[in-house]
Amino acid sequence: MENNNSEDNPKRTEERRERRYQCRFCNYSTDGCGNFKRHERIHTGERPYSCFYCSKSFASSTNLKTHVRLHTGEKPYACSYCPYTANEKASVKSHIFSRHMNQSKTL
């Protein structure tokens, strides 16, 4: 049986380092088409994802999804110490750090 683990197979590791997509505006390169498209939008200003509620546009679907939560009130991320909830994971992390830093539970 062939070993496909890149750590044990030097040829596979070398293949992995090759980047198929090179940005035409800067030195960024990647082997992922999605990463490449998202990156090039930084340079082109393209914003193909629009909010259904207010028409604000975004370069990534993830940013649109987070934005839509502002309209819907969805807050899927919760603090493990108190009732605080937020629409972004980073907001909960910041909340925990600033409000519950000295609590015994592992952050």
N, C-alpha and C. Protein backbone atom coordinates (compact mmCIF):
# COMPACT_ATOMS: atom_id res chain seq x y z
N MET A 1 0.85 -1.19 0.00
CA MET A 1 0.00 0.00 0.00
C MET A 1 0.89 1.25 0.00
N GLU A 2 0.56 2.22 -0.86
CA GLU A 2 1.35 3.44 -0.98
C GLU A 2 1.04 4.40 0.16
N ASN A 3 2.08 5.03 0.69
CA ASN A 3 1.93 5.97 1.78
C ASN A 3 1.69 7.36 1.20
N ASN A 4 0.52 7.94 1.48
CA ASN A 4 0.17 9.26 0.96
C ASN A 4 0.39 10.38 1.97
N ASN A 5 0.97 10.06 3.11
CA ASN A 5 1.23 11.06 4.13
C ASN A 5 2.37 11.95 3.66
N SER A 6 2.12 13.26 3.51
CA SER A 6 3.12 14.17 2.97
C SER A 6 4.35 14.30 3.87
N GLU A 7 4.20 14.06 5.17
CA GLU A 7 5.34 14.15 6.08
C GLU A 7 6.33 13.03 5.84
N ASP A 8 5.86 11.87 5.41
CA ASP A 8 6.71 10.70 5.19
C ASP A 8 7.14 10.56 3.74
N ASN A 9 6.60 11.34 2.85
CA ASN A 9 6.86 11.20 1.44
C ASN A 9 7.41 12.51 0.89
N PRO A 10 8.75 12.60 0.69
CA PRO A 10 9.35 13.86 0.25
C PRO A 10 8.79 14.38 -1.07
N LYS A 11 8.47 13.49 -2.01
CA LYS A 11 7.92 13.93 -3.29
C LYS A 11 6.57 14.59 -3.09
N ARG A 12 5.73 14.01 -2.25
CA ARG A 12 4.40 14.56 -1.96
C ARG A 12 4.54 15.93 -1.30
N THR A 13 5.51 16.08 -0.40
CA THR A 13 5.74 17.36 0.27
C THR A 13 6.12 18.42 -0.76
N GLU A 14 6.98 18.06 -1.71
CA GLU A 14 7.40 18.99 -2.76
C GLU A 14 6.22 19.39 -3.63
N GLU A 15 5.37 18.43 -3.98
CA GLU A 15 4.18 18.72 -4.78
C GLU A 15 3.27 19.69 -4.04
N ARG A 16 3.16 19.48 -2.74
CA ARG A 16 2.28 20.30 -1.91
C ARG A 16 2.75 21.76 -1.88
N ARG A 17 4.06 21.96 -1.96
CA ARG A 17 4.61 23.31 -1.91
C ARG A 17 4.36 24.08 -3.21
N GLU A 18 4.12 23.38 -4.30
CA GLU A 18 3.85 24.05 -5.56
C GLU A 18 2.52 24.78 -5.46
N ARG A 19 2.50 25.98 -5.98
CA ARG A 19 1.29 26.79 -5.95
C ARG A 19 0.78 26.97 -7.37
N ARG A 20 -0.44 26.53 -7.61
CA ARG A 20 -0.98 26.57 -8.96
C ARG A 20 -1.56 27.93 -9.34
N TYR A 21 -1.96 28.72 -8.37
CA TYR A 21 -2.60 29.99 -8.65
C TYR A 21 -1.72 31.14 -8.17
N GLN A 22 -1.32 32.00 -9.08
CA GLN A 22 -0.47 33.14 -8.78
C GLN A 22 -1.25 34.43 -9.03
N CYS A 23 -1.30 35.30 -8.04
CA CYS A 23 -1.98 36.58 -8.18
C CYS A 23 -1.29 37.41 -9.25
N ARG A 24 -2.06 38.03 -10.11
CA ARG A 24 -1.48 38.85 -11.17
C ARG A 24 -1.12 40.25 -10.69
N PHE A 25 -1.48 40.58 -9.44
CA PHE A 25 -1.22 41.91 -8.91
C PHE A 25 -0.10 41.95 -7.88
N CYS A 26 0.20 40.81 -7.25
CA CYS A 26 1.24 40.76 -6.21
C CYS A 26 1.88 39.37 -6.19
N ASN A 27 2.68 39.09 -5.18
CA ASN A 27 3.40 37.82 -5.11
C ASN A 27 2.62 36.69 -4.45
N TYR A 28 1.38 36.92 -4.07
CA TYR A 28 0.57 35.88 -3.42
C TYR A 28 0.34 34.72 -4.37
N SER A 29 0.48 33.51 -3.83
CA SER A 29 0.16 32.30 -4.59
C SER A 29 -0.46 31.28 -3.66
N THR A 30 -1.26 30.38 -4.23
CA THR A 30 -1.95 29.36 -3.43
C THR A 30 -2.28 28.17 -4.31
N ASP A 31 -2.57 27.07 -3.68
CA ASP A 31 -3.00 25.91 -4.45
C ASP A 31 -4.52 25.75 -4.40
N GLY A 32 -5.20 26.66 -3.73
CA GLY A 32 -6.66 26.61 -3.63
C GLY A 32 -7.33 27.66 -4.48
N CYS A 33 -8.20 27.25 -5.37
CA CYS A 33 -8.90 28.16 -6.26
C CYS A 33 -9.75 29.17 -5.48
N GLY A 34 -10.44 28.71 -4.45
CA GLY A 34 -11.28 29.60 -3.64
C GLY A 34 -10.46 30.67 -2.96
N ASN A 35 -9.33 30.28 -2.38
CA ASN A 35 -8.44 31.25 -1.74
C ASN A 35 -7.95 32.27 -2.76
N PHE A 36 -7.63 31.80 -3.94
CA PHE A 36 -7.12 32.66 -4.99
C PHE A 36 -8.16 33.70 -5.41
N LYS A 37 -9.37 33.27 -5.67
CA LYS A 37 -10.43 34.19 -6.08
C LYS A 37 -10.70 35.24 -4.99
N ARG A 38 -10.77 34.77 -3.75
CA ARG A 38 -11.03 35.68 -2.63
C ARG A 38 -9.88 36.70 -2.51
N HIS A 39 -8.64 36.24 -2.69
CA HIS A 39 -7.50 37.15 -2.59
C HIS A 39 -7.52 38.20 -3.70
N GLU A 40 -7.76 37.80 -4.93
CA GLU A 40 -7.72 38.77 -6.03
C GLU A 40 -8.78 39.85 -5.89
N ARG A 41 -9.85 39.56 -5.17
CA ARG A 41 -10.89 40.58 -4.95
C ARG A 41 -10.36 41.75 -4.13
N ILE A 42 -9.28 41.54 -3.36
CA ILE A 42 -8.65 42.63 -2.63
C ILE A 42 -8.18 43.69 -3.62
N HIS A 43 -7.61 43.22 -4.72
CA HIS A 43 -7.07 44.13 -5.73
C HIS A 43 -8.14 44.69 -6.68
N THR A 44 -9.09 43.86 -7.05
CA THR A 44 -10.08 44.27 -8.05
C THR A 44 -11.24 45.05 -7.46
N GLY A 45 -11.47 44.87 -6.15
CA GLY A 45 -12.60 45.54 -5.51
C GLY A 45 -13.93 44.85 -5.77
N GLU A 46 -13.89 43.70 -6.43
CA GLU A 46 -15.12 42.95 -6.71
C GLU A 46 -15.78 42.52 -5.41
N ARG A 47 -17.11 42.69 -5.35
CA ARG A 47 -17.90 42.30 -4.18
C ARG A 47 -19.17 41.60 -4.67
N PRO A 48 -19.05 40.32 -4.99
CA PRO A 48 -20.16 39.61 -5.62
C PRO A 48 -21.28 39.15 -4.69
N TYR A 49 -21.11 39.29 -3.38
CA TYR A 49 -22.11 38.81 -2.43
C TYR A 49 -22.86 40.00 -1.83
N SER A 50 -24.17 40.09 -2.09
CA SER A 50 -24.97 41.24 -1.63
C SER A 50 -25.99 40.82 -0.59
N CYS A 51 -26.18 41.69 0.38
CA CYS A 51 -27.16 41.45 1.45
C CYS A 51 -28.57 41.60 0.89
N PHE A 52 -29.39 40.64 1.19
CA PHE A 52 -30.79 40.63 0.78
C PHE A 52 -31.57 41.76 1.44
N TYR A 53 -31.17 42.14 2.66
CA TYR A 53 -31.90 43.13 3.44
C TYR A 53 -31.55 44.58 3.08
N CYS A 54 -30.26 44.86 2.85
CA CYS A 54 -29.85 46.25 2.66
C CYS A 54 -28.98 46.49 1.42
N SER A 55 -28.69 45.46 0.67
CA SER A 55 -27.91 45.53 -0.57
C SER A 55 -26.42 45.83 -0.37
N LYS A 56 -25.94 45.87 0.85
CA LYS A 56 -24.50 46.04 1.07
C LYS A 56 -23.80 44.83 0.46
N SER A 57 -22.65 45.06 -0.17
CA SER A 57 -21.97 43.96 -0.84
C SER A 57 -20.65 43.60 -0.15
N PHE A 58 -20.23 42.35 -0.36
CA PHE A 58 -19.06 41.81 0.31
C PHE A 58 -18.22 40.98 -0.66
N ALA A 59 -16.93 40.90 -0.37
CA ALA A 59 -16.01 40.13 -1.20
C ALA A 59 -16.07 38.64 -0.88
N SER A 60 -16.54 38.28 0.32
CA SER A 60 -16.62 36.86 0.68
C SER A 60 -18.00 36.51 1.23
N SER A 61 -18.41 35.29 0.98
CA SER A 61 -19.71 34.83 1.46
C SER A 61 -19.73 34.74 2.98
N THR A 62 -18.58 34.48 3.59
CA THR A 62 -18.50 34.41 5.05
C THR A 62 -18.80 35.77 5.68
N ASN A 63 -18.25 36.82 5.10
CA ASN A 63 -18.53 38.17 5.61
C ASN A 63 -19.99 38.54 5.43
N LEU A 64 -20.58 38.13 4.32
CA LEU A 64 -22.02 38.38 4.11
C LEU A 64 -22.84 37.65 5.17
N LYS A 65 -22.51 36.41 5.43
CA LYS A 65 -23.26 35.61 6.41
C LYS A 65 -23.21 36.28 7.79
N THR A 66 -22.05 36.76 8.19
CA THR A 66 -21.92 37.45 9.47
C THR A 66 -22.75 38.72 9.47
N HIS A 67 -22.72 39.47 8.37
CA HIS A 67 -23.48 40.71 8.26
C HIS A 67 -24.99 40.47 8.37
N VAL A 68 -25.48 39.45 7.69
CA VAL A 68 -26.92 39.15 7.70
C VAL A 68 -27.42 38.91 9.12
N ARG A 69 -26.56 38.39 9.98
CA ARG A 69 -26.95 38.17 11.38
C ARG A 69 -27.31 39.47 12.08
N LEU A 70 -26.77 40.59 11.63
CA LEU A 70 -27.14 41.88 12.21
C LEU A 70 -28.62 42.18 11.95
N HIS A 71 -29.10 41.78 10.78
CA HIS A 71 -30.50 42.00 10.43
C HIS A 71 -31.43 40.99 11.10
N THR A 72 -31.00 39.74 11.19
CA THR A 72 -31.86 38.68 11.72
C THR A 72 -31.83 38.59 13.24
N GLY A 73 -30.77 39.14 13.84
CA GLY A 73 -30.64 39.05 15.30
C GLY A 73 -30.04 37.74 15.76
N GLU A 74 -29.65 36.89 14.83
CA GLU A 74 -29.06 35.60 15.21
C GLU A 74 -27.73 35.83 15.91
N LYS A 75 -27.55 35.17 17.04
CA LYS A 75 -26.31 35.25 17.82
C LYS A 75 -25.91 33.83 18.22
N PRO A 76 -25.26 33.12 17.32
CA PRO A 76 -24.97 31.71 17.54
C PRO A 76 -23.79 31.41 18.46
N TYR A 77 -23.05 32.43 18.87
CA TYR A 77 -21.88 32.21 19.72
C TYR A 77 -22.18 32.68 21.13
N ALA A 78 -21.91 31.81 22.10
CA ALA A 78 -22.26 32.11 23.50
C ALA A 78 -21.05 32.01 24.42
N CYS A 79 -21.05 32.86 25.42
CA CYS A 79 -20.04 32.83 26.46
C CYS A 79 -20.30 31.63 27.36
N SER A 80 -19.24 30.95 27.75
CA SER A 80 -19.40 29.78 28.62
C SER A 80 -19.46 30.16 30.10
N TYR A 81 -19.34 31.45 30.41
CA TYR A 81 -19.36 31.91 31.79
C TYR A 81 -20.62 32.67 32.16
N CYS A 82 -21.28 33.27 31.18
CA CYS A 82 -22.45 34.11 31.46
C CYS A 82 -23.40 34.05 30.26
N PRO A 83 -24.54 34.72 30.33
CA PRO A 83 -25.53 34.65 29.24
C PRO A 83 -25.17 35.43 27.96
N TYR A 84 -24.02 36.08 27.91
CA TYR A 84 -23.64 36.88 26.75
C TYR A 84 -23.62 36.04 25.47
N THR A 85 -24.20 36.57 24.40
CA THR A 85 -24.15 35.93 23.08
C THR A 85 -23.76 36.98 22.04
N ALA A 86 -23.25 36.50 20.91
CA ALA A 86 -22.81 37.42 19.86
C ALA A 86 -22.98 36.78 18.49
N ASN A 87 -22.92 37.62 17.46
CA ASN A 87 -23.05 37.10 16.10
C ASN A 87 -21.70 36.73 15.49
N GLU A 88 -20.60 37.02 16.19
CA GLU A 88 -19.26 36.65 15.72
C GLU A 88 -18.50 35.95 16.83
N LYS A 89 -17.77 34.93 16.47
CA LYS A 89 -16.97 34.18 17.44
C LYS A 89 -15.92 35.08 18.09
N ALA A 90 -15.31 35.96 17.30
CA ALA A 90 -14.28 36.86 17.83
C ALA A 90 -14.83 37.77 18.93
N SER A 91 -16.09 38.15 18.83
CA SER A 91 -16.70 39.01 19.85
C SER A 91 -16.80 38.28 21.18
N VAL A 92 -17.14 36.99 21.13
CA VAL A 92 -17.23 36.20 22.37
C VAL A 92 -15.84 36.01 22.97
N LYS A 93 -14.85 35.75 22.13
CA LYS A 93 -13.48 35.59 22.63
C LYS A 93 -13.01 36.88 23.32
N SER A 94 -13.28 38.01 22.70
CA SER A 94 -12.91 39.29 23.28
C SER A 94 -13.65 39.53 24.60
N HIS A 95 -14.93 39.19 24.63
CA HIS A 95 -15.74 39.33 25.84
C HIS A 95 -15.15 38.49 26.97
N ILE A 96 -14.85 37.24 26.68
CA ILE A 96 -14.31 36.34 27.71
C ILE A 96 -12.98 36.89 28.24
N PHE A 97 -12.13 37.33 27.34
CA PHE A 97 -10.84 37.87 27.75
C PHE A 97 -10.99 39.10 28.64
N SER A 98 -11.91 39.98 28.29
CA SER A 98 -12.05 41.23 29.06
C SER A 98 -12.89 41.09 30.32
N ARG A 99 -13.83 40.17 30.34
CA ARG A 99 -14.75 40.06 31.48
C ARG A 99 -14.46 38.88 32.42
N HIS A 100 -13.90 37.81 31.87
CA HIS A 100 -13.76 36.58 32.66
C HIS A 100 -12.33 36.07 32.71
N MET A 101 -11.37 36.93 32.51
CA MET A 101 -9.98 36.53 32.41
C MET A 101 -9.49 35.77 33.64
N ASN A 102 -9.98 36.09 34.80
CA ASN A 102 -9.49 35.48 36.04
C ASN A 102 -10.29 34.25 36.48
N GLN A 103 -11.26 33.83 35.69
CA GLN A 103 -12.07 32.68 36.08
C GLN A 103 -11.26 31.40 35.86
N SER A 104 -11.58 30.37 36.59
CA SER A 104 -10.74 29.16 36.60
C SER A 104 -10.87 28.29 35.36
N LYS A 105 -11.96 28.37 34.65
CA LYS A 105 -12.18 27.53 33.46
C LYS A 105 -11.15 27.87 32.39
N THR A 106 -10.63 26.86 31.71
CA THR A 106 -9.64 27.07 30.66
C THR A 106 -10.26 27.81 29.49
N LEU A 107 -9.57 28.85 29.03
CA LEU A 107 -10.04 29.63 27.89
C LEU A 107 -9.52 28.97 26.67
